Amino acid sequence: MNISVRQVVLDCTDARLLAEFYRHLLGFEYVPGDAEPIDPDWLAINAPDGSWRIAFQQIDALPEATWPDGEHPQMAHLA
């Protein structure tokens, strides 16, 4: 059985800003329609070869991480 990840979704308090950061960093392009999104609370960028994407979901607030322990430990990161 082969398992693959095709999309990662990040909660963020400024979806457009974070999408722009990763778009420039990785050379991705917006999913059609997301350059001028219909839904400003959700946008996504694709890898140049279309193999995977990162989506950004707007939320009001994020709890501050309390790494390595505590109420809100580090839950995930991109590496």
Foldseek 3Di string as FASTA:
>chain_A
DDDDAAEAEDEDQQQVVVQVVCCVVQVWAWDPCQVVHPDRQKTKTAHPVRRHIYMYGHDNDDDDAPPPDDDHHDDDDDD
